[in-house]
C-alpha atoms as a PDB file:
ATOM      1  CA  MET A   1       0.000   0.000   0.000  1.00  0.00           C
ATOM      2  CA  SER A   2       2.800   2.441   0.839  1.00  0.00           C
ATOM      3  CA  ARG A   3       4.389   1.806  -2.573  1.00  0.00           C
ATOM      4  CA  ILE A   4       1.187   2.912  -4.317  1.00  0.00           C
ATOM      5  CA  ILE A   5       1.070   6.083  -2.236  1.00  0.00           C
ATOM      6  CA  LEU A   6       4.715   6.780  -3.105  1.00  0.00           C
ATOM      7  CA  VAL A   7       4.065   6.317  -6.827  1.00  0.00           C
ATOM      8  CA  VAL A   8       0.998   8.588  -6.703  1.00  0.00           C
ATOM      9  CA  LEU A   9       2.963  11.212  -4.784  1.00  0.00           C
ATOM     10  CA  VAL A  10       5.830  11.144  -7.282  1.00  0.00           C
ATOM     11  CA  VAL A  11       3.407  11.451 -10.217  1.00  0.00           C
ATOM     12  CA  LEU A  12       1.640  14.414  -8.572  1.00  0.00           C
ATOM     13  CA  ILE A  13       4.919  16.196  -7.887  1.00  0.00           C
ATOM     14  CA  ALA A  14       6.134  15.578 -11.438  1.00  0.00           C
ATOM     15  CA  ALA A  15       2.847  16.813 -12.950  1.00  0.00           C
ATOM     16  CA  THR A  16       2.890  19.919 -10.775  1.00  0.00           C
ATOM     17  CA  GLY A  17       6.484  20.634 -11.800  1.00  0.00           C
ATOM     18  CA  PHE A  18       5.743  20.126 -15.480  1.00  0.00           C
ATOM     19  CA  ILE A  19       2.609  22.290 -15.461  1.00  0.00           C
ATOM     20  CA  GLY A  20       4.337  24.959 -13.372  1.00  0.00           C
ATOM     21  CA  GLN A  21       7.283  25.104 -15.742  1.00  0.00           C
ATOM     22  CA  ARG A  22       4.983  25.240 -18.766  1.00  0.00           C
ATOM     23  CA  TRP A  23       2.990  28.115 -17.212  1.00  0.00           C
ATOM     24  CA  TYR A  24       6.095  30.072 -16.205  1.00  0.00           C
ATOM     25  CA  SER A  25       7.598  29.735 -19.681  1.00  0.00           C
ATOM     26  CA  TYR A  26       4.294  31.036 -21.114  1.00  0.00           C
ATOM     27  CA  VAL A  27       4.045  34.129 -18.906  1.00  0.00           C
ATOM     28  CA  SER A  28       7.729  34.967 -19.296  1.00  0.00           C
ATOM     29  CA  ASN A  29       7.908  34.419 -23.065  1.00  0.00           C
ATOM     30  CA  THR A  30       8.531  37.182 -25.579  1.00  0.00           C
ATOM     31  CA  THR A  31       7.036  35.686 -28.731  1.00  0.00           C
ATOM     32  CA  SER A  32       3.241  35.477 -28.341  1.00  0.00           C
ATOM     33  CA  ALA A  33       0.564  36.023 -25.709  1.00  0.00           C
ATOM     34  CA  TYR A  34      -1.737  33.572 -27.482  1.00  0.00           C
ATOM     35  CA  ASP A  35      -0.209  30.171 -26.722  1.00  0.00           C
ATOM     36  CA  GLU A  36      -3.261  27.912 -26.281  1.00  0.00           C
ATOM     37  CA  VAL A  37      -1.828  25.688 -23.566  1.00  0.00           C
ATOM     38  CA  GLY A  38      -0.436  28.627 -21.612  1.00  0.00           C
ATOM     39  CA  ILE A  39      -3.750  30.477 -21.797  1.00  0.00           C
ATOM     40  CA  GLU A  40      -5.626  27.461 -20.420  1.00  0.00           C
ATOM     41  CA  ILE A  41      -3.198  26.939 -17.575  1.00  0.00           C
ATOM     42  CA  ASN A  42      -3.160  30.623 -16.628  1.00  0.00           C
ATOM     43  CA  SER A  43      -6.944  31.004 -16.788  1.00  0.00           C
ATOM     44  CA  ARG A  44      -7.441  28.057 -14.405  1.00  0.00           C
ATOM     45  CA  LEU A  45      -4.951  29.131 -11.749  1.00  0.00           C
ATOM     46  CA  PRO A  46      -6.041  30.713  -8.458  1.00  0.00           C
ATOM     47  CA  GLY A  47      -6.509  34.488  -8.409  1.00  0.00           C
ATOM     48  CA  PRO A  48      -3.090  35.695  -7.217  1.00  0.00           C
ATOM     49  CA  LEU A  49      -1.160  33.438  -9.629  1.00  0.00           C
ATOM     50  CA  ASN A  50      -3.484  34.341 -12.511  1.00  0.00           C
ATOM     51  CA  LYS A  51      -3.101  38.058 -11.753  1.00  0.00           C
ATOM     52  CA  TRP A  52       0.686  37.781 -11.564  1.00  0.00           C
ATOM     53  CA  GLY A  53       0.754  35.935 -14.894  1.00  0.00           C
ATOM     54  CA  CYS A  54      -1.558  38.474 -16.521  1.00  0.00           C
ATOM     55  CA  ASP A  55       0.513  41.372 -15.180  1.00  0.00           C
ATOM     56  CA  LYS A  56       3.664  39.793 -16.581  1.00  0.00           C
ATOM     57  CA  LEU A  57       1.990  39.233 -19.971  1.00  0.00           C
ATOM     58  CA  HIS A  58       0.598  42.788 -19.958  1.00  0.00           C
ATOM     59  CA  ALA A  59       4.087  44.194 -19.344  1.00  0.00           C
ATOM     60  CA  THR A  60       5.357  42.320 -22.409  1.00  0.00           C
ATOM     61  CA  PHE A  61       2.329  42.454 -24.733  1.00  0.00           C
ATOM     62  CA  GLY A  62       0.392  45.516 -23.515  1.00  0.00           C
ATOM     63  CA  GLU A  63      -0.428  46.767 -27.010  1.00  0.00           C
ATOM     64  CA  VAL A  64      -2.342  43.645 -28.123  1.00  0.00           C
ATOM     65  CA  PRO A  65      -5.769  42.454 -26.944  1.00  0.00           C
ATOM     66  CA  PRO A  66      -5.499  40.310 -23.821  1.00  0.00           C
ATOM     67  CA  PRO A  67      -5.773  36.517 -23.929  1.00  0.00           C
ATOM     68  CA  TYR A  68      -8.624  34.673 -22.240  1.00  0.00           C
ATOM     69  CA  GLY A  69      -8.326  34.918 -18.482  1.00  0.00           C
ATOM     70  CA  CYS A  70      -6.622  38.321 -18.563  1.00  0.00           C
ATOM     71  CA  ALA A  71      -9.397  40.387 -20.118  1.00  0.00           C
ATOM     72  CA  SER A  72     -11.709  42.737 -18.248  1.00  0.00           C
ATOM     73  CA  ALA A  73     -15.479  42.484 -18.532  1.00  0.00           C
ATOM     74  CA  ASP A  74     -15.554  44.131 -21.962  1.00  0.00           C
ATOM     75  CA  GLY A  75     -13.131  41.496 -23.315  1.00  0.00           C
ATOM     76  CA  THR A  76     -10.900  43.998 -25.076  1.00  0.00           C
ATOM     77  CA  SER A  77      -8.847  45.576 -22.284  1.00  0.00           C
ATOM     78  CA  TRP A  78      -6.438  44.115 -19.760  1.00  0.00           C
ATOM     79  CA  ARG A  79      -7.598  43.854 -16.173  1.00  0.00           C
END
């Protein structure tokens, strides 16, 4: 039983590390704010992480319309 718990724990840690790295590379990129995987990850993160990611994207891509998860209620301006 403890071996199963260990395997599950290792898989969860690895998945968290992979998703975290993928998200960080999206918000710190300089090529495009419209990476589909990055947008999905960022839009599903808790408020403070989502806001930090959106602020980082806005600093880099402020002149383009915001991606999903970073738009205000009108959908055309950054929040």
